[in-house]
C-alpha atoms as a PDB file:
ATOM      1  CA  MET A   1     204.573 170.587-154.673  1.00  0.00           C
ATOM      2  CA  ASP A   2     205.657 173.266-152.212  1.00  0.00           C
ATOM      3  CA  VAL A   3     203.581 176.175-153.501  1.00  0.00           C
ATOM      4  CA  ARG A   4     201.899 178.891-151.469  1.00  0.00           C
ATOM      5  CA  ALA A   5     198.397 179.526-152.783  1.00  0.00           C
ATOM      6  CA  VAL A   6     195.490 181.717-151.761  1.00  0.00           C
ATOM      7  CA  VAL A   7     191.842 181.217-152.672  1.00  0.00           C
ATOM      8  CA  ILE A   8     189.757 184.396-152.599  1.00  0.00           C
ATOM      9  CA  THR A   9     185.993 183.973-152.481  1.00  0.00           C
ATOM     10  CA  VAL A  10     184.267 187.049-153.864  1.00  0.00           C
ATOM     11  CA  SER A  11     180.742 187.291-152.477  1.00  0.00           C
ATOM     12  CA  ASP A  12     178.749 190.029-150.783  1.00  0.00           C
ATOM     13  CA  ARG A  13     176.527 187.503-148.996  1.00  0.00           C
ATOM     14  CA  CYS A  14     179.408 185.372-147.731  1.00  0.00           C
ATOM     15  CA  ALA A  15     181.365 188.445-146.650  1.00  0.00           C
ATOM     16  CA  ARG A  16     178.349 189.610-144.607  1.00  0.00           C
ATOM     17  CA  GLY A  17     177.904 186.150-143.083  1.00  0.00           C
ATOM     18  CA  GLU A  18     174.520 185.644-144.764  1.00  0.00           C
ATOM     19  CA  ALA A  19     175.668 182.608-146.768  1.00  0.00           C
ATOM     20  CA  GLU A  20     178.208 179.856-146.251  1.00  0.00           C
ATOM     21  CA  ASP A  21     181.227 179.864-148.521  1.00  0.00           C
ATOM     22  CA  LEU A  22     181.150 176.485-150.253  1.00  0.00           C
ATOM     23  CA  SER A  23     183.369 177.278-153.240  1.00  0.00           C
ATOM     24  CA  GLY A  24     186.451 178.601-151.449  1.00  0.00           C
ATOM     25  CA  PRO A  25     186.919 175.572-149.168  1.00  0.00           C
ATOM     26  CA  LEU A  26     186.194 173.268-152.125  1.00  0.00           C
ATOM     27  CA  ALA A  27     188.910 174.982-154.156  1.00  0.00           C
ATOM     28  CA  ALA A  28     191.377 174.603-151.269  1.00  0.00           C
ATOM     29  CA  ASP A  29     190.491 170.898-150.931  1.00  0.00           C
ATOM     30  CA  LEU A  30     190.902 170.274-154.665  1.00  0.00           C
ATOM     31  CA  LEU A  31     194.218 172.121-154.707  1.00  0.00           C
ATOM     32  CA  ALA A  32     195.363 170.047-151.711  1.00  0.00           C
ATOM     33  CA  GLU A  33     194.613 166.899-153.717  1.00  0.00           C
ATOM     34  CA  ALA A  34     196.999 168.318-156.334  1.00  0.00           C
ATOM     35  CA  GLY A  35     199.656 168.926-153.671  1.00  0.00           C
ATOM     36  CA  VAL A  36     199.075 172.662-153.231  1.00  0.00           C
ATOM     37  CA  THR A  37     198.280 174.135-149.823  1.00  0.00           C
ATOM     38  CA  ALA A  38     195.899 177.099-150.005  1.00  0.00           C
ATOM     39  CA  SER A  39     194.391 179.438-147.469  1.00  0.00           C
ATOM     40  CA  VAL A  40     190.908 180.848-148.078  1.00  0.00           C
ATOM     41  CA  THR A  41     189.744 184.405-147.598  1.00  0.00           C
ATOM     42  CA  VAL A  42     186.361 186.017-148.331  1.00  0.00           C
ATOM     43  CA  VAL A  43     185.851 189.543-149.669  1.00  0.00           C
ATOM     44  CA  PRO A  44     182.781 191.439-150.888  1.00  0.00           C
ATOM     45  CA  ASP A  45     182.139 192.020-154.567  1.00  0.00           C
ATOM     46  CA  GLY A  46     183.796 195.110-156.004  1.00  0.00           C
ATOM     47  CA  VAL A  47     186.753 196.224-158.068  1.00  0.00           C
ATOM     48  CA  ALA A  48     188.734 197.625-155.123  1.00  0.00           C
ATOM     49  CA  SER A  49     188.064 194.708-152.776  1.00  0.00           C
ATOM     50  CA  VAL A  50     189.190 192.175-155.400  1.00  0.00           C
ATOM     51  CA  ARG A  51     192.239 194.205-156.419  1.00  0.00           C
ATOM     52  CA  ASP A  52     193.299 194.744-152.805  1.00  0.00           C
ATOM     53  CA  ALA A  53     192.805 191.067-151.860  1.00  0.00           C
ATOM     54  CA  LEU A  54     194.843 189.966-154.874  1.00  0.00           C
ATOM     55  CA  ARG A  55     197.588 192.434-154.045  1.00  0.00           C
ATOM     56  CA  ALA A  56     197.669 191.244-150.407  1.00  0.00           C
ATOM     57  CA  ALA A  57     197.918 187.596-151.506  1.00  0.00           C
ATOM     58  CA  LEU A  58     200.702 188.367-153.978  1.00  0.00           C
ATOM     59  CA  ASP A  59     202.570 190.571-151.496  1.00  0.00           C
ATOM     60  CA  GLY A  60     202.186 187.742-148.970  1.00  0.00           C
ATOM     61  CA  GLY A  61     204.123 185.375-151.206  1.00  0.00           C
ATOM     62  CA  ALA A  62     201.390 183.448-153.033  1.00  0.00           C
ATOM     63  CA  ARG A  63     202.506 181.873-156.307  1.00  0.00           C
ATOM     64  CA  LEU A  64     198.933 180.898-157.213  1.00  0.00           C
ATOM     65  CA  VAL A  65     195.863 182.989-156.486  1.00  0.00           C
ATOM     66  CA  LEU A  66     192.503 181.530-157.434  1.00  0.00           C
ATOM     67  CA  THR A  67     189.421 183.704-157.066  1.00  0.00           C
ATOM     68  CA  THR A  68     185.961 182.221-157.025  1.00  0.00           C
ATOM     69  CA  GLY A  69     182.860 184.249-157.752  1.00  0.00           C
ATOM     70  CA  GLY A  70     182.037 187.565-159.348  1.00  0.00           C
ATOM     71  CA  THR A  71     182.777 186.518-162.938  1.00  0.00           C
ATOM     72  CA  GLY A  72     179.253 186.635-164.337  1.00  0.00           C
ATOM     73  CA  ILE A  73     177.300 189.394-166.021  1.00  0.00           C
ATOM     74  CA  SER A  74     175.301 190.831-163.128  1.00  0.00           C
ATOM     75  CA  PRO A  75     176.057 194.448-162.125  1.00  0.00           C
ATOM     76  CA  ARG A  76     177.965 193.374-158.963  1.00  0.00           C
ATOM     77  CA  ASP A  77     180.151 190.823-160.792  1.00  0.00           C
ATOM     78  CA  LEU A  78     183.358 192.846-160.948  1.00  0.00           C
ATOM     79  CA  THR A  79     186.061 190.278-160.237  1.00  0.00           C
ATOM     80  CA  PRO A  80     187.554 190.525-163.762  1.00  0.00           C
ATOM     81  CA  GLU A  81     187.779 194.307-163.492  1.00  0.00           C
ATOM     82  CA  GLY A  82     189.639 194.092-160.167  1.00  0.00           C
ATOM     83  CA  THR A  83     191.869 191.333-161.502  1.00  0.00           C
ATOM     84  CA  ALA A  84     192.741 193.308-164.639  1.00  0.00           C
ATOM     85  CA  GLN A  85     194.263 196.006-162.423  1.00  0.00           C
ATOM     86  CA  VAL A  86     196.772 193.471-161.059  1.00  0.00           C
ATOM     87  CA  LEU A  87     197.647 191.335-164.088  1.00  0.00           C
ATOM     88  CA  GLU A  88     200.775 192.106-166.065  1.00  0.00           C
ATOM     89  CA  ARG A  89     200.132 189.534-168.801  1.00  0.00           C
ATOM     90  CA  GLU A  90     196.919 187.698-169.591  1.00  0.00           C
ATOM     91  CA  LEU A  91     196.707 184.002-170.417  1.00  0.00           C
ATOM     92  CA  PRO A  92     193.482 183.965-172.443  1.00  0.00           C
ATOM     93  CA  GLY A  93     193.816 180.301-173.404  1.00  0.00           C
ATOM     94  CA  LEU A  94     193.637 179.275-169.759  1.00  0.00           C
ATOM     95  CA  ALA A  95     190.445 181.270-169.144  1.00  0.00           C
ATOM     96  CA  GLU A  96     188.932 179.897-172.349  1.00  0.00           C
ATOM     97  CA  ALA A  97     189.779 176.326-171.347  1.00  0.00           C
ATOM     98  CA  ILE A  98     187.962 176.792-168.032  1.00  0.00           C
ATOM     99  CA  ARG A  99     184.889 178.185-169.817  1.00  0.00           C
ATOM    100  CA  SER A 100     184.954 175.420-172.435  1.00  0.00           C
ATOM    101  CA  ARG A 101     185.239 172.674-169.842  1.00  0.00           C
ATOM    102  CA  GLY A 102     182.281 174.084-167.930  1.00  0.00           C
ATOM    103  CA  ALA A 103     180.146 174.565-171.021  1.00  0.00           C
ATOM    104  CA  VAL A 104     180.138 170.823-171.696  1.00  0.00           C
ATOM    105  CA  ALA A 105     177.730 170.369-168.769  1.00  0.00           C
ATOM    106  CA  VAL A 106     176.422 173.908-168.213  1.00  0.00           C
ATOM    107  CA  PRO A 107     176.087 176.054-171.374  1.00  0.00           C
ATOM    108  CA  THR A 108     175.873 179.270-169.324  1.00  0.00           C
ATOM    109  CA  ALA A 109     179.505 178.694-168.283  1.00  0.00           C
ATOM    110  CA  LEU A 110     180.334 180.553-171.492  1.00  0.00           C
ATOM    111  CA  LEU A 111     179.000 183.722-169.847  1.00  0.00           C
ATOM    112  CA  SER A 112     181.838 183.744-167.305  1.00  0.00           C
ATOM    113  CA  ARG A 113     184.120 186.716-167.846  1.00  0.00           C
ATOM    114  CA  GLY A 114     186.931 185.270-165.737  1.00  0.00           C
ATOM    115  CA  LEU A 115     190.515 186.164-166.523  1.00  0.00           C
ATOM    116  CA  ALA A 116     193.776 184.306-166.052  1.00  0.00           C
ATOM    117  CA  GLY A 117     197.246 185.700-166.154  1.00  0.00           C
ATOM    118  CA  VAL A 118     200.533 186.557-164.531  1.00  0.00           C
ATOM    119  CA  ALA A 119     201.061 189.147-161.806  1.00  0.00           C
ATOM    120  CA  ALA A 120     204.103 190.268-159.839  1.00  0.00           C
ATOM    121  CA  GLY A 121     204.375 189.157-156.247  1.00  0.00           C
ATOM    122  CA  ARG A 122     206.841 189.101-153.378  1.00  0.00           C
ATOM    123  CA  GLU A 123     208.178 185.678-154.385  1.00  0.00           C
ATOM    124  CA  GLY A 124     208.347 186.509-158.093  1.00  0.00           C
ATOM    125  CA  GLU A 125     205.656 186.244-160.691  1.00  0.00           C
ATOM    126  CA  ALA A 126     202.491 184.341-159.817  1.00  0.00           C
ATOM    127  CA  LEU A 127     199.546 182.776-161.608  1.00  0.00           C
ATOM    128  CA  VAL A 128     196.177 184.447-161.017  1.00  0.00           C
ATOM    129  CA  VAL A 129     192.981 182.704-162.145  1.00  0.00           C
ATOM    130  CA  ASN A 130     189.322 183.742-161.832  1.00  0.00           C
ATOM    131  CA  ALA A 131     186.956 180.814-161.356  1.00  0.00           C
ATOM    132  CA  PRO A 132     183.165 180.977-161.359  1.00  0.00           C
ATOM    133  CA  GLY A 133     181.520 180.955-157.948  1.00  0.00           C
ATOM    134  CA  SER A 134     179.706 177.642-158.313  1.00  0.00           C
ATOM    135  CA  PRO A 135     181.207 174.395-157.008  1.00  0.00           C
ATOM    136  CA  GLY A 136     181.121 173.020-160.564  1.00  0.00           C
ATOM    137  CA  GLY A 137     182.951 176.075-161.869  1.00  0.00           C
ATOM    138  CA  VAL A 138     185.591 175.661-159.174  1.00  0.00           C
ATOM    139  CA  ARG A 139     186.017 171.987-160.074  1.00  0.00           C
ATOM    140  CA  ASP A 140     186.461 172.925-163.732  1.00  0.00           C
ATOM    141  CA  ALA A 141     188.993 175.653-162.961  1.00  0.00           C
ATOM    142  CA  VAL A 142     191.135 173.487-160.698  1.00  0.00           C
ATOM    143  CA  ALA A 143     190.958 170.593-163.172  1.00  0.00           C
ATOM    144  CA  VAL A 144     192.381 172.893-165.860  1.00  0.00           C
ATOM    145  CA  VAL A 145     194.935 174.731-163.697  1.00  0.00           C
ATOM    146  CA  ALA A 146     196.378 171.983-161.466  1.00  0.00           C
ATOM    147  CA  PRO A 147     198.082 169.901-164.189  1.00  0.00           C
ATOM    148  CA  LEU A 148     199.612 173.040-165.717  1.00  0.00           C
ATOM    149  CA  LEU A 149     200.839 174.609-162.486  1.00  0.00           C
ATOM    150  CA  PRO A 150     204.292 172.958-162.276  1.00  0.00           C
ATOM    151  CA  HIS A 151     205.077 174.004-165.857  1.00  0.00           C
ATOM    152  CA  VAL A 152     203.691 177.516-165.361  1.00  0.00           C
ATOM    153  CA  LEU A 153     205.726 178.090-162.213  1.00  0.00           C
ATOM    154  CA  ASP A 154     208.851 176.680-163.876  1.00  0.00           C
ATOM    155  CA  GLN A 155     208.359 179.051-166.800  1.00  0.00           C
ATOM    156  CA  LEU A 156     207.747 182.027-164.496  1.00  0.00           C
ATOM    157  CA  GLY A 157     210.993 181.139-162.725  1.00  0.00           C
ATOM    158  CA  GLY A 158     212.904 181.309-165.995  1.00  0.00           C
ATOM    159  CA  GLY A 159     212.789 177.632-166.931  1.00  0.00           C
ATOM    160  CA  ASP A 160     213.328 176.458-170.471  1.00  0.00           C
ATOM    161  CA  HIS A 161     210.491 175.280-172.697  1.00  0.00           C
END
């Protein structure tokens, strides 16, 4: 599948170089297994940093943007707030499916506040999905999103049901 994707890791520690980003490269590898090539970028936690990174990815032509990190309930977890400023339409069922899949093994996955939805980009509308920052959360998110991506992109391009 010839789809431009961007993975955005949201982490203060990774952005400062104090921790290695494990989730972003994992997401890119899992997407590659599904036939999607993704670049990875790292930004600090915060509404503006997430919003601006999403906007840059969308303006750069991404049709899928997957964030990882910042979806929990700690005071610095603001990825959903930044994402909400970019989304035009939410896809709550997609976010719920990611949470539900994770909760099978890790009950605290239900505390993720991640969003999923559609946002305008340079190449037309794109899918934006917030994944938890853990490798398991990334695996769950990609497992839910990857099989749906061809249909989602077809629909966003005006395809029939």
